[in-house]
Amino acid sequence: VSGVAAALCLIAILTLIVLQMLARWTGEVFPGAPEYAGYAMAAAS
């Protein structure tokens, strides 16, 4: 279960990065996306 949770954190990182890219392309702001990705990276590790 901890391995699966780590994999889900990696998917969350990918999702956050893609959402942040989409936000930038559309001129929107996604506050905290890098921080959330960092939290997910620490959790995944």
PDB file of all heavy atoms in Angstrom:
ATOM      1  N   VAL A   1       0.831  -1.208   0.000  1.00  0.00           N
ATOM      2  CA  VAL A   1       0.000   0.000   0.000  1.00  0.00           C
ATOM      3  C   VAL A   1       0.866   1.258   0.000  1.00  0.00           C
ATOM      4  O   VAL A   1       0.561   2.223  -0.705  1.00  0.00           O
ATOM      5  CB  VAL A   1      -0.970  -0.014   1.208  1.00  0.00           C
ATOM      6  CG1 VAL A   1      -1.601   1.348   1.440  1.00  0.00           C
ATOM      7  CG2 VAL A   1      -2.049  -1.063   1.008  1.00  0.00           C
ATOM      8  N   SER A   2       1.970   1.238   0.757  1.00  0.00           N
ATOM      9  CA  SER A   2       2.841   2.418   0.761  1.00  0.00           C
ATOM     10  C   SER A   2       3.495   2.612  -0.606  1.00  0.00           C
ATOM     11  O   SER A   2       3.673   3.750  -1.055  1.00  0.00           O
ATOM     12  CB  SER A   2       3.892   2.325   1.866  1.00  0.00           C
ATOM     13  OG  SER A   2       4.845   1.334   1.588  1.00  0.00           O
ATOM     14  N   GLY A   3       3.818   1.523  -1.291  1.00  0.00           N
ATOM     15  CA  GLY A   3       4.368   1.636  -2.642  1.00  0.00           C
ATOM     16  C   GLY A   3       3.349   2.194  -3.623  1.00  0.00           C
ATOM     17  O   GLY A   3       3.681   3.035  -4.471  1.00  0.00           O
ATOM     18  N   VAL A   4       2.101   1.753  -3.496  1.00  0.00           N
ATOM     19  CA  VAL A   4       1.040   2.275  -4.360  1.00  0.00           C
ATOM     20  C   VAL A   4       0.796   3.753  -4.053  1.00  0.00           C
ATOM     21  O   VAL A   4       0.613   4.564  -4.969  1.00  0.00           O
ATOM     22  CB  VAL A   4      -0.256   1.440  -4.187  1.00  0.00           C
ATOM     23  CG1 VAL A   4      -1.441   2.110  -4.855  1.00  0.00           C
ATOM     24  CG2 VAL A   4      -0.060   0.034  -4.744  1.00  0.00           C
ATOM     25  N   ALA A   5       0.811   4.119  -2.770  1.00  0.00           N
ATOM     26  CA  ALA A   5       0.633   5.528  -2.395  1.00  0.00           C
ATOM     27  C   ALA A   5       1.758   6.383  -2.971  1.00  0.00           C
ATOM     28  O   ALA A   5       1.516   7.510  -3.428  1.00  0.00           O
ATOM     29  CB  ALA A   5       0.567   5.669  -0.880  1.00  0.00           C
ATOM     30  N   ALA A   6       2.974   5.851  -2.970  1.00  0.00           N
ATOM     31  CA  ALA A   6       4.099   6.581  -3.570  1.00  0.00           C
ATOM     32  C   ALA A   6       3.873   6.781  -5.067  1.00  0.00           C
ATOM     33  O   ALA A   6       4.134   7.863  -5.597  1.00  0.00           O
ATOM     34  CB  ALA A   6       5.402   5.831  -3.321  1.00  0.00           C
ATOM     35  N   ALA A   7       3.380   5.743  -5.731  1.00  0.00           N
ATOM     36  CA  ALA A   7       3.093   5.853  -7.166  1.00  0.00           C
ATOM     37  C   ALA A   7       1.997   6.897  -7.419  1.00  0.00           C
ATOM     38  O   ALA A   7       2.080   7.676  -8.383  1.00  0.00           O
ATOM     39  CB  ALA A   7       2.686   4.495  -7.732  1.00  0.00           C
ATOM     40  N   LEU A   8       0.997   6.928  -6.552  1.00  0.00           N
ATOM     41  CA  LEU A   8      -0.067   7.930  -6.689  1.00  0.00           C
ATOM     42  C   LEU A   8       0.471   9.339  -6.478  1.00  0.00           C
ATOM     43  O   LEU A   8       0.021  10.284  -7.140  1.00  0.00           O
ATOM     44  CB  LEU A   8      -1.204   7.629  -5.716  1.00  0.00           C
ATOM     45  CG  LEU A   8      -2.016   6.370  -6.009  1.00  0.00           C
ATOM     46  CD1 LEU A   8      -3.019   6.098  -4.895  1.00  0.00           C
ATOM     47  CD2 LEU A   8      -2.709   6.468  -7.357  1.00  0.00           C
ATOM     48  N   CYS A   9       1.444   9.486  -5.589  1.00  0.00           N
ATOM     49  CA  CYS A   9       2.084  10.794  -5.409  1.00  0.00           C
ATOM     50  C   CYS A   9       2.822  11.220  -6.671  1.00  0.00           C
ATOM     51  O   CYS A   9       2.804  12.402  -7.032  1.00  0.00           O
ATOM     52  CB  CYS A   9       3.043  10.752  -4.222  1.00  0.00           C
ATOM     53  SG  CYS A   9       2.226  10.706  -2.614  1.00  0.00           S
ATOM     54  N   LEU A  10       3.452  10.267  -7.346  1.00  0.00           N
ATOM     55  CA  LEU A  10       4.127  10.599  -8.608  1.00  0.00           C
ATOM     56  C   LEU A  10       3.122  11.026  -9.675  1.00  0.00           C
ATOM     57  O   LEU A  10       3.382  11.958 -10.453  1.00  0.00           O
ATOM     58  CB  LEU A  10       4.957   9.413  -9.091  1.00  0.00           C
ATOM     59  CG  LEU A  10       6.175   9.070  -8.228  1.00  0.00           C
ATOM     60  CD1 LEU A  10       6.849   7.806  -8.749  1.00  0.00           C
ATOM     61  CD2 LEU A  10       7.149  10.227  -8.195  1.00  0.00           C
ATOM     62  N   ILE A  11       1.973  10.367  -9.694  1.00  0.00           N
ATOM     63  CA  ILE A  11       0.914  10.770 -10.633  1.00  0.00           C
ATOM     64  C   ILE A  11       0.408  12.159 -10.275  1.00  0.00           C
ATOM     65  O   ILE A  11       0.133  12.982 -11.157  1.00  0.00           O
ATOM     66  CB  ILE A  11      -0.224   9.724 -10.644  1.00  0.00           C
ATOM     67  CG1 ILE A  11       0.284   8.412 -11.245  1.00  0.00           C
ATOM     68  CG2 ILE A  11      -1.440  10.242 -11.389  1.00  0.00           C
ATOM     69  CD1 ILE A  11      -0.665   7.243 -11.094  1.00  0.00           C
ATOM     70  N   ALA A  12       0.313  12.451  -8.974  1.00  0.00           N
ATOM     71  CA  ALA A  12      -0.105  13.787  -8.538  1.00  0.00           C
ATOM     72  C   ALA A  12       0.898  14.844  -8.998  1.00  0.00           C
ATOM     73  O   ALA A  12       0.502  15.938  -9.412  1.00  0.00           O
ATOM     74  CB  ALA A  12      -0.267  13.815  -7.016  1.00  0.00           C
ATOM     75  N   ILE A  13       2.182  14.514  -8.933  1.00  0.00           N
ATOM     76  CA  ILE A  13       3.208  15.460  -9.402  1.00  0.00           C
ATOM     77  C   ILE A  13       3.016  15.744 -10.884  1.00  0.00           C
ATOM     78  O   ILE A  13       3.029  16.903 -11.321  1.00  0.00           O
ATOM     79  CB  ILE A  13       4.624  14.910  -9.132  1.00  0.00           C
ATOM     80  CG1 ILE A  13       4.899  14.840  -7.645  1.00  0.00           C
ATOM     81  CG2 ILE A  13       5.681  15.771  -9.830  1.00  0.00           C
ATOM     82  CD1 ILE A  13       6.151  14.051  -7.287  1.00  0.00           C
ATOM     83  N   LEU A  14       2.823  14.688 -11.670  1.00  0.00           N
ATOM     84  CA  LEU A  14       2.597  14.867 -13.109  1.00  0.00           C
ATOM     85  C   LEU A  14       1.367  15.726 -13.354  1.00  0.00           C
ATOM     86  O   LEU A  14       1.393  16.657 -14.162  1.00  0.00           O
ATOM     87  CB  LEU A  14       2.439  13.507 -13.792  1.00  0.00           C
ATOM     88  CG  LEU A  14       2.017  13.551 -15.254  1.00  0.00           C
ATOM     89  CD1 LEU A  14       3.125  14.144 -16.109  1.00  0.00           C
ATOM     90  CD2 LEU A  14       1.644  12.173 -15.738  1.00  0.00           C
ATOM     91  N   THR A  15       0.291  15.440 -12.644  1.00  0.00           N
ATOM     92  CA  THR A  15      -0.952  16.196 -12.806  1.00  0.00           C
ATOM     93  C   THR A  15      -0.754  17.662 -12.452  1.00  0.00           C
ATOM     94  O   THR A  15      -1.214  18.557 -13.173  1.00  0.00           O
ATOM     95  CB  THR A  15      -2.064  15.583 -11.934  1.00  0.00           C
ATOM     96  OG1 THR A  15      -2.215  14.204 -12.271  1.00  0.00           O
ATOM     97  CG2 THR A  15      -3.375  16.303 -12.113  1.00  0.00           C
ATOM     98  N   LEU A  16      -0.059  17.915 -11.356  1.00  0.00           N
ATOM     99  CA  LEU A  16       0.192  19.304 -10.953  1.00  0.00           C
ATOM    100  C   LEU A  16       1.024  20.055 -11.978  1.00  0.00           C
ATOM    101  O   LEU A  16       0.754  21.221 -12.279  1.00  0.00           O
ATOM    102  CB  LEU A  16       0.887  19.332  -9.589  1.00  0.00           C
ATOM    103  CG  LEU A  16       0.001  19.017  -8.393  1.00  0.00           C
ATOM    104  CD1 LEU A  16       0.847  18.713  -7.166  1.00  0.00           C
ATOM    105  CD2 LEU A  16      -0.948  20.180  -8.130  1.00  0.00           C
ATOM    106  N   ILE A  17       2.027  19.392 -12.525  1.00  0.00           N
ATOM    107  CA  ILE A  17       2.875  20.047 -13.526  1.00  0.00           C
ATOM    108  C   ILE A  17       2.074  20.355 -14.784  1.00  0.00           C
ATOM    109  O   ILE A  17       2.160  21.450 -15.345  1.00  0.00           O
ATOM    110  CB  ILE A  17       4.107  19.172 -13.838  1.00  0.00           C
ATOM    111  CG1 ILE A  17       5.048  19.161 -12.630  1.00  0.00           C
ATOM    112  CG2 ILE A  17       4.840  19.676 -15.077  1.00  0.00           C
ATOM    113  CD1 ILE A  17       6.170  18.163 -12.729  1.00  0.00           C
ATOM    114  N   VAL A  18       1.263  19.393 -15.222  1.00  0.00           N
ATOM    115  CA  VAL A  18       0.443  19.623 -16.418  1.00  0.00           C
ATOM    116  C   VAL A  18      -0.569  20.743 -16.173  1.00  0.00           C
ATOM    117  O   VAL A  18      -0.757  21.622 -17.032  1.00  0.00           O
ATOM    118  CB  VAL A  18      -0.261  18.319 -16.850  1.00  0.00           C
ATOM    119  CG1 VAL A  18      -1.313  18.579 -17.902  1.00  0.00           C
ATOM    120  CG2 VAL A  18       0.757  17.305 -17.353  1.00  0.00           C
ATOM    121  N   LEU A  19      -1.200  20.751 -14.998  1.00  0.00           N
ATOM    122  CA  LEU A  19      -2.160  21.822 -14.688  1.00  0.00           C
ATOM    123  C   LEU A  19      -1.478  23.185 -14.623  1.00  0.00           C
ATOM    124  O   LEU A  19      -2.042  24.186 -15.078  1.00  0.00           O
ATOM    125  CB  LEU A  19      -2.879  21.521 -13.374  1.00  0.00           C
ATOM    126  CG  LEU A  19      -3.889  20.384 -13.401  1.00  0.00           C
ATOM    127  CD1 LEU A  19      -4.437  20.106 -12.008  1.00  0.00           C
ATOM    128  CD2 LEU A  19      -5.016  20.693 -14.384  1.00  0.00           C
ATOM    129  N   GLN A  20      -0.280  23.213 -14.084  1.00  0.00           N
ATOM    130  CA  GLN A  20       0.450  24.471 -14.038  1.00  0.00           C
ATOM    131  C   GLN A  20       0.821  24.945 -15.439  1.00  0.00           C
ATOM    132  O   GLN A  20       0.732  26.137 -15.752  1.00  0.00           O
ATOM    133  CB  GLN A  20       1.698  24.338 -13.175  1.00  0.00           C
ATOM    134  CG  GLN A  20       2.396  25.663 -12.957  1.00  0.00           C
ATOM    135  CD  GLN A  20       3.612  25.539 -12.070  1.00  0.00           C
ATOM    136  OE1 GLN A  20       4.168  24.467 -11.908  1.00  0.00           O
ATOM    137  NE2 GLN A  20       4.039  26.657 -11.509  1.00  0.00           N
ATOM    138  N   MET A  21       1.194  24.021 -16.309  1.00  0.00           N
ATOM    139  CA  MET A  21       1.492  24.387 -17.692  1.00  0.00           C
ATOM    140  C   MET A  21       0.247  24.927 -18.392  1.00  0.00           C
ATOM    141  O   MET A  21       0.310  25.955 -19.078  1.00  0.00           O
ATOM    142  CB  MET A  21       2.031  23.172 -18.454  1.00  0.00           C
ATOM    143  CG  MET A  21       3.437  22.776 -18.058  1.00  0.00           C
ATOM    144  SD  MET A  21       3.988  21.190 -18.734  1.00  0.00           S
ATOM    145  CE  MET A  21       3.518  21.295 -20.433  1.00  0.00           C
ATOM    146  N   LEU A  22      -0.875  24.242 -18.208  1.00  0.00           N
ATOM    147  CA  LEU A  22      -2.124  24.709 -18.811  1.00  0.00           C
ATOM    148  C   LEU A  22      -2.518  26.084 -18.284  1.00  0.00           C
ATOM    149  O   LEU A  22      -2.990  26.937 -19.043  1.00  0.00           O
ATOM    150  CB  LEU A  22      -3.240  23.694 -18.559  1.00  0.00           C
ATOM    151  CG  LEU A  22      -3.113  22.358 -19.285  1.00  0.00           C
ATOM    152  CD1 LEU A  22      -4.193  21.387 -18.821  1.00  0.00           C
ATOM    153  CD2 LEU A  22      -3.197  22.568 -20.791  1.00  0.00           C
ATOM    154  N   ALA A  23      -2.323  26.289 -16.992  1.00  0.00           N
ATOM    155  CA  ALA A  23      -2.648  27.594 -16.408  1.00  0.00           C
ATOM    156  C   ALA A  23      -1.787  28.697 -17.020  1.00  0.00           C
ATOM    157  O   ALA A  23      -2.291  29.780 -17.338  1.00  0.00           O
ATOM    158  CB  ALA A  23      -2.471  27.543 -14.893  1.00  0.00           C
ATOM    159  N   ARG A  24      -0.518  28.423 -17.205  1.00  0.00           N
ATOM    160  CA  ARG A  24       0.363  29.434 -17.798  1.00  0.00           C
ATOM    161  C   ARG A  24      -0.026  29.730 -19.240  1.00  0.00           C
ATOM    162  O   ARG A  24       0.003  30.878 -19.682  1.00  0.00           O
ATOM    163  CB  ARG A  24       1.811  28.966 -17.751  1.00  0.00           C
ATOM    164  CG  ARG A  24       2.429  29.100 -16.397  1.00  0.00           C
ATOM    165  CD  ARG A  24       3.874  28.735 -16.419  1.00  0.00           C
ATOM    166  NE  ARG A  24       4.434  28.778 -15.081  1.00  0.00           N
ATOM    167  CZ  ARG A  24       5.621  28.334 -14.762  1.00  0.00           C
ATOM    168  NH1 ARG A  24       6.403  27.811 -15.698  1.00  0.00           N
ATOM    169  NH2 ARG A  24       6.059  28.408 -13.541  1.00  0.00           N
ATOM    170  N   TRP A  25      -0.369  28.679 -19.997  1.00  0.00           N
ATOM    171  CA  TRP A  25      -0.740  28.873 -21.395  1.00  0.00           C
ATOM    172  C   TRP A  25      -2.032  29.674 -21.535  1.00  0.00           C
ATOM    173  O   TRP A  25      -2.219  30.366 -22.528  1.00  0.00           O
ATOM    174  CB  TRP A  25      -0.900  27.537 -22.100  1.00  0.00           C
ATOM    175  CG  TRP A  25       0.388  26.797 -22.302  1.00  0.00           C
ATOM    176  CD1 TRP A  25       1.655  27.292 -22.264  1.00  0.00           C
ATOM    177  CD2 TRP A  25       0.531  25.402 -22.537  1.00  0.00           C
ATOM    178  NE1 TRP A  25       2.583  26.305 -22.469  1.00  0.00           N
ATOM    179  CE2 TRP A  25       1.913  25.117 -22.649  1.00  0.00           C
ATOM    180  CE3 TRP A  25      -0.354  24.352 -22.671  1.00  0.00           C
ATOM    181  CZ2 TRP A  25       2.421  23.861 -22.882  1.00  0.00           C
ATOM    182  CZ3 TRP A  25       0.150  23.087 -22.914  1.00  0.00           C
ATOM    183  CH2 TRP A  25       1.517  22.850 -23.018  1.00  0.00           C
ATOM    184  N   THR A  26      -2.914  29.546 -20.572  1.00  0.00           N
ATOM    185  CA  THR A  26      -4.190  30.267 -20.643  1.00  0.00           C
ATOM    186  C   THR A  26      -4.146  31.598 -19.904  1.00  0.00           C
ATOM    187  O   THR A  26      -5.152  32.308 -19.844  1.00  0.00           O
ATOM    188  CB  THR A  26      -5.331  29.405 -20.072  1.00  0.00           C
ATOM    189  OG1 THR A  26      -5.047  29.106 -18.700  1.00  0.00           O
ATOM    190  CG2 THR A  26      -5.519  28.129 -20.870  1.00  0.00           C
ATOM    191  N   GLY A  27      -3.004  31.946 -19.322  1.00  0.00           N
ATOM    192  CA  GLY A  27      -2.886  33.216 -18.620  1.00  0.00           C
ATOM    193  C   GLY A  27      -3.434  33.182 -17.203  1.00  0.00           C
ATOM    194  O   GLY A  27      -3.577  34.230 -16.579  1.00  0.00           O
ATOM    195  N   GLU A  28      -3.770  32.025 -16.709  1.00  0.00           N
ATOM    196  CA  GLU A  28      -4.279  31.894 -15.342  1.00  0.00           C
ATOM    197  C   GLU A  28      -3.129  31.663 -14.376  1.00  0.00           C
ATOM    198  O   GLU A  28      -2.001  31.394 -14.774  1.00  0.00           O
ATOM    199  CB  GLU A  28      -5.263  30.720 -15.249  1.00  0.00           C
ATOM    200  CG  GLU A  28      -6.502  30.870 -16.093  1.00  0.00           C
ATOM    201  CD  GLU A  28      -7.375  32.032 -15.648  1.00  0.00           C
ATOM    202  OE1 GLU A  28      -7.489  32.257 -14.432  1.00  0.00           O
ATOM    203  OE2 GLU A  28      -7.918  32.730 -16.522  1.00  0.00           O
ATOM    204  N   VAL A  29      -3.437  31.752 -13.097  1.00  0.00           N
ATOM    205  CA  VAL A  29      -2.440  31.522 -12.056  1.00  0.00           C
ATOM    206  C   VAL A  29      -2.884  30.322 -11.224  1.00  0.00           C
ATOM    207  O   VAL A  29      -4.049  30.230 -10.837  1.00  0.00           O
ATOM    208  CB  VAL A  29      -2.290  32.764 -11.146  1.00  0.00           C
ATOM    209  CG1 VAL A  29      -1.318  32.502 -10.015  1.00  0.00           C
ATOM    210  CG2 VAL A  29      -1.859  33.965 -11.968  1.00  0.00           C
ATOM    211  N   PHE A  30      -1.971  29.417 -10.998  1.00  0.00           N
ATOM    212  CA  PHE A  30      -2.230  28.250 -10.140  1.00  0.00           C
ATOM    213  C   PHE A  30      -1.315  28.400  -8.925  1.00  0.00           C
ATOM    214  O   PHE A  30      -0.204  27.876  -8.897  1.00  0.00           O
ATOM    215  CB  PHE A  30      -1.949  26.959 -10.895  1.00  0.00           C
ATOM    216  CG  PHE A  30      -2.287  25.699 -10.147  1.00  0.00           C
ATOM    217  CD1 PHE A  30      -2.827  25.716  -8.872  1.00  0.00           C
ATOM    218  CD2 PHE A  30      -2.058  24.469 -10.720  1.00  0.00           C
ATOM    219  CE1 PHE A  30      -3.128  24.552  -8.192  1.00  0.00           C
ATOM    220  CE2 PHE A  30      -2.358  23.301 -10.058  1.00  0.00           C
ATOM    221  CZ  PHE A  30      -2.896  23.349  -8.781  1.00  0.00           C
ATOM    222  N   PRO A  31      -1.756  29.144  -7.913  1.00  0.00           N
ATOM    223  CA  PRO A  31      -0.878  29.413  -6.783  1.00  0.00           C
ATOM    224  C   PRO A  31      -0.555  28.139  -5.998  1.00  0.00           C
ATOM    225  O   PRO A  31      -1.431  27.328  -5.725  1.00  0.00           O
ATOM    226  CB  PRO A  31      -1.674  30.400  -5.920  1.00  0.00           C
ATOM    227  CG  PRO A  31      -3.082  30.230  -6.317  1.00  0.00           C
ATOM    228  CD  PRO A  31      -3.083  29.718  -7.744  1.00  0.00           C
ATOM    229  N   GLY A  32       0.704  28.001  -5.693  1.00  0.00           N
ATOM    230  CA  GLY A  32       1.129  26.890  -4.849  1.00  0.00           C
ATOM    231  C   GLY A  32       1.418  25.590  -5.564  1.00  0.00           C
ATOM    232  O   GLY A  32       1.792  24.615  -4.922  1.00  0.00           O
ATOM    233  N   ALA A  33       1.287  25.548  -6.885  1.00  0.00           N
ATOM    234  CA  ALA A  33       1.525  24.296  -7.610  1.00  0.00           C
ATOM    235  C   ALA A  33       2.939  23.761  -7.392  1.00  0.00           C
ATOM    236  O   ALA A  33       3.100  22.568  -7.127  1.00  0.00           O
ATOM    237  CB  ALA A  33       1.234  24.469  -9.099  1.00  0.00           C
ATOM    238  N   PRO A  34       3.979  24.590  -7.445  1.00  0.00           N
ATOM    239  CA  PRO A  34       5.322  24.044  -7.190  1.00  0.00           C
ATOM    240  C   PRO A  34       5.475  23.501  -5.764  1.00  0.00           C
ATOM    241  O   PRO A  34       6.130  22.489  -5.552  1.00  0.00           O
ATOM    242  CB  PRO A  34       6.256  25.235  -7.413  1.00  0.00           C
ATOM    243  CG  PRO A  34       5.487  26.190  -8.235  1.00  0.00           C
ATOM    244  CD  PRO A  34       4.053  25.987  -7.879  1.00  0.00           C
ATOM    245  N   GLU A  35       4.842  24.183  -4.814  1.00  0.00           N
ATOM    246  CA  GLU A  35       4.920  23.704  -3.433  1.00  0.00           C
ATOM    247  C   GLU A  35       4.215  22.366  -3.283  1.00  0.00           C
ATOM    248  O   GLU A  35       4.734  21.439  -2.640  1.00  0.00           O
ATOM    249  CB  GLU A  35       4.302  24.733  -2.467  1.00  0.00           C
ATOM    250  CG  GLU A  35       5.161  25.974  -2.265  1.00  0.00           C
ATOM    251  CD  GLU A  35       4.947  27.039  -3.336  1.00  0.00           C
ATOM    252  OE1 GLU A  35       4.102  26.848  -4.226  1.00  0.00           O
ATOM    253  OE2 GLU A  35       5.645  28.066  -3.274  1.00  0.00           O
ATOM    254  N   TYR A  36       3.025  22.240  -3.871  1.00  0.00           N
ATOM    255  CA  TYR A  36       2.291  20.975  -3.784  1.00  0.00           C
ATOM    256  C   TYR A  36       3.066  19.846  -4.461  1.00  0.00           C
ATOM    257  O   TYR A  36       3.083  18.717  -3.984  1.00  0.00           O
ATOM    258  CB  TYR A  36       0.900  21.094  -4.410  1.00  0.00           C
ATOM    259  CG  TYR A  36      -0.031  22.008  -3.653  1.00  0.00           C
ATOM    260  CD1 TYR A  36      -0.772  22.973  -4.320  1.00  0.00           C
ATOM    261  CD2 TYR A  36      -0.170  21.920  -2.276  1.00  0.00           C
ATOM    262  CE1 TYR A  36      -1.630  23.815  -3.646  1.00  0.00           C
ATOM    263  CE2 TYR A  36      -1.017  22.770  -1.588  1.00  0.00           C
ATOM    264  CZ  TYR A  36      -1.753  23.717  -2.282  1.00  0.00           C
ATOM    265  OH  TYR A  36      -2.597  24.547  -1.598  1.00  0.00           O
ATOM    266  N   ALA A  37       3.708  20.157  -5.586  1.00  0.00           N
ATOM    267  CA  ALA A  37       4.524  19.148  -6.265  1.00  0.00           C
ATOM    268  C   ALA A  37       5.704  18.743  -5.383  1.00  0.00           C
ATOM    269  O   ALA A  37       6.070  17.564  -5.320  1.00  0.00           O
ATOM    270  CB  ALA A  37       5.016  19.676  -7.610  1.00  0.00           C
ATOM    271  N   GLY A  38       6.291  19.695  -4.682  1.00  0.00           N
ATOM    272  CA  GLY A  38       7.375  19.390  -3.746  1.00  0.00           C
ATOM    273  C   GLY A  38       6.908  18.521  -2.600  1.00  0.00           C
ATOM    274  O   GLY A  38       7.600  17.574  -2.192  1.00  0.00           O
ATOM    275  N   TYR A  39       5.727  18.810  -2.069  1.00  0.00           N
ATOM    276  CA  TYR A  39       5.174  17.981  -0.993  1.00  0.00           C
ATOM    277  C   TYR A  39       4.936  16.556  -1.493  1.00  0.00           C
ATOM    278  O   TYR A  39       5.222  15.578  -0.798  1.00  0.00           O
ATOM    279  CB  TYR A  39       3.850  18.548  -0.477  1.00  0.00           C
ATOM    280  CG  TYR A  39       3.902  19.957   0.054  1.00  0.00           C
ATOM    281  CD1 TYR A  39       2.800  20.795  -0.061  1.00  0.00           C
ATOM    282  CD2 TYR A  39       5.045  20.462   0.678  1.00  0.00           C
ATOM    283  CE1 TYR A  39       2.827  22.091   0.436  1.00  0.00           C
ATOM    284  CE2 TYR A  39       5.079  21.762   1.163  1.00  0.00           C
ATOM    285  CZ  TYR A  39       3.963  22.570   1.037  1.00  0.00           C
ATOM    286  OH  TYR A  39       3.996  23.850   1.513  1.00  0.00           O
ATOM    287  N   ALA A  40       4.398  16.461  -2.701  1.00  0.00           N
ATOM    288  CA  ALA A  40       4.129  15.131  -3.271  1.00  0.00           C
ATOM    289  C   ALA A  40       5.431  14.375  -3.534  1.00  0.00           C
ATOM    290  O   ALA A  40       5.482  13.151  -3.370  1.00  0.00           O
ATOM    291  CB  ALA A  40       3.315  15.269  -4.560  1.00  0.00           C
ATOM    292  N   MET A  41       6.491  15.080  -3.924  1.00  0.00           N
ATOM    293  CA  MET A  41       7.783  14.429  -4.157  1.00  0.00           C
ATOM    294  C   MET A  41       8.349  13.884  -2.846  1.00  0.00           C
ATOM    295  O   MET A  41       8.855  12.758  -2.797  1.00  0.00           O
ATOM    296  CB  MET A  41       8.771  15.411  -4.795  1.00  0.00           C
ATOM    297  CG  MET A  41      10.148  14.798  -5.020  1.00  0.00           C
ATOM    298  SD  MET A  41      10.125  13.302  -6.018  1.00  0.00           S
ATOM    299  CE  MET A  41      10.099  13.988  -7.630  1.00  0.00           C
ATOM    300  N   ALA A  42       8.280  14.675  -1.786  1.00  0.00           N
ATOM    301  CA  ALA A  42       8.761  14.202  -0.480  1.00  0.00           C
ATOM    302  C   ALA A  42       7.940  13.003  -0.023  1.00  0.00           C
ATOM    303  O   ALA A  42       8.487  12.011   0.467  1.00  0.00           O
ATOM    304  CB  ALA A  42       8.698  15.329   0.543  1.00  0.00           C
ATOM    305  N   ALA A  43       6.635  13.078  -0.178  1.00  0.00           N
ATOM    306  CA  ALA A  43       5.768  11.964   0.222  1.00  0.00           C
ATOM    307  C   ALA A  43       6.075  10.721  -0.598  1.00  0.00           C
ATOM    308  O   ALA A  43       6.160   9.611  -0.057  1.00  0.00           O
ATOM    309  CB  ALA A  43       4.300  12.362   0.062  1.00  0.00           C
ATOM    310  N   ALA A  44       6.251  10.893  -1.911  1.00  0.00           N
ATOM    311  CA  ALA A  44       6.551   9.747  -2.779  1.00  0.00           C
ATOM    312  C   ALA A  44       7.853   9.089  -2.362  1.00  0.00           C
ATOM    313  O   ALA A  44       7.950   7.859  -2.305  1.00  0.00           O
ATOM    314  CB  ALA A  44       6.632  10.198  -4.239  1.00  0.00           C
ATOM    315  N   SER A  45       8.852   9.886  -2.061  1.00  0.00           N
ATOM    316  CA  SER A  45      10.146   9.328  -1.652  1.00  0.00           C
ATOM    317  C   SER A  45      10.013   8.508  -0.385  1.00  0.00           C
ATOM    318  O   SER A  45      10.435   7.351  -0.332  1.00  0.00           O
ATOM    319  CB  SER A  45      11.157  10.455  -1.429  1.00  0.00           C
ATOM    320  OG  SER A  45      11.361  11.165  -2.611  1.00  0.00           O
TER     321      SER A  45
END
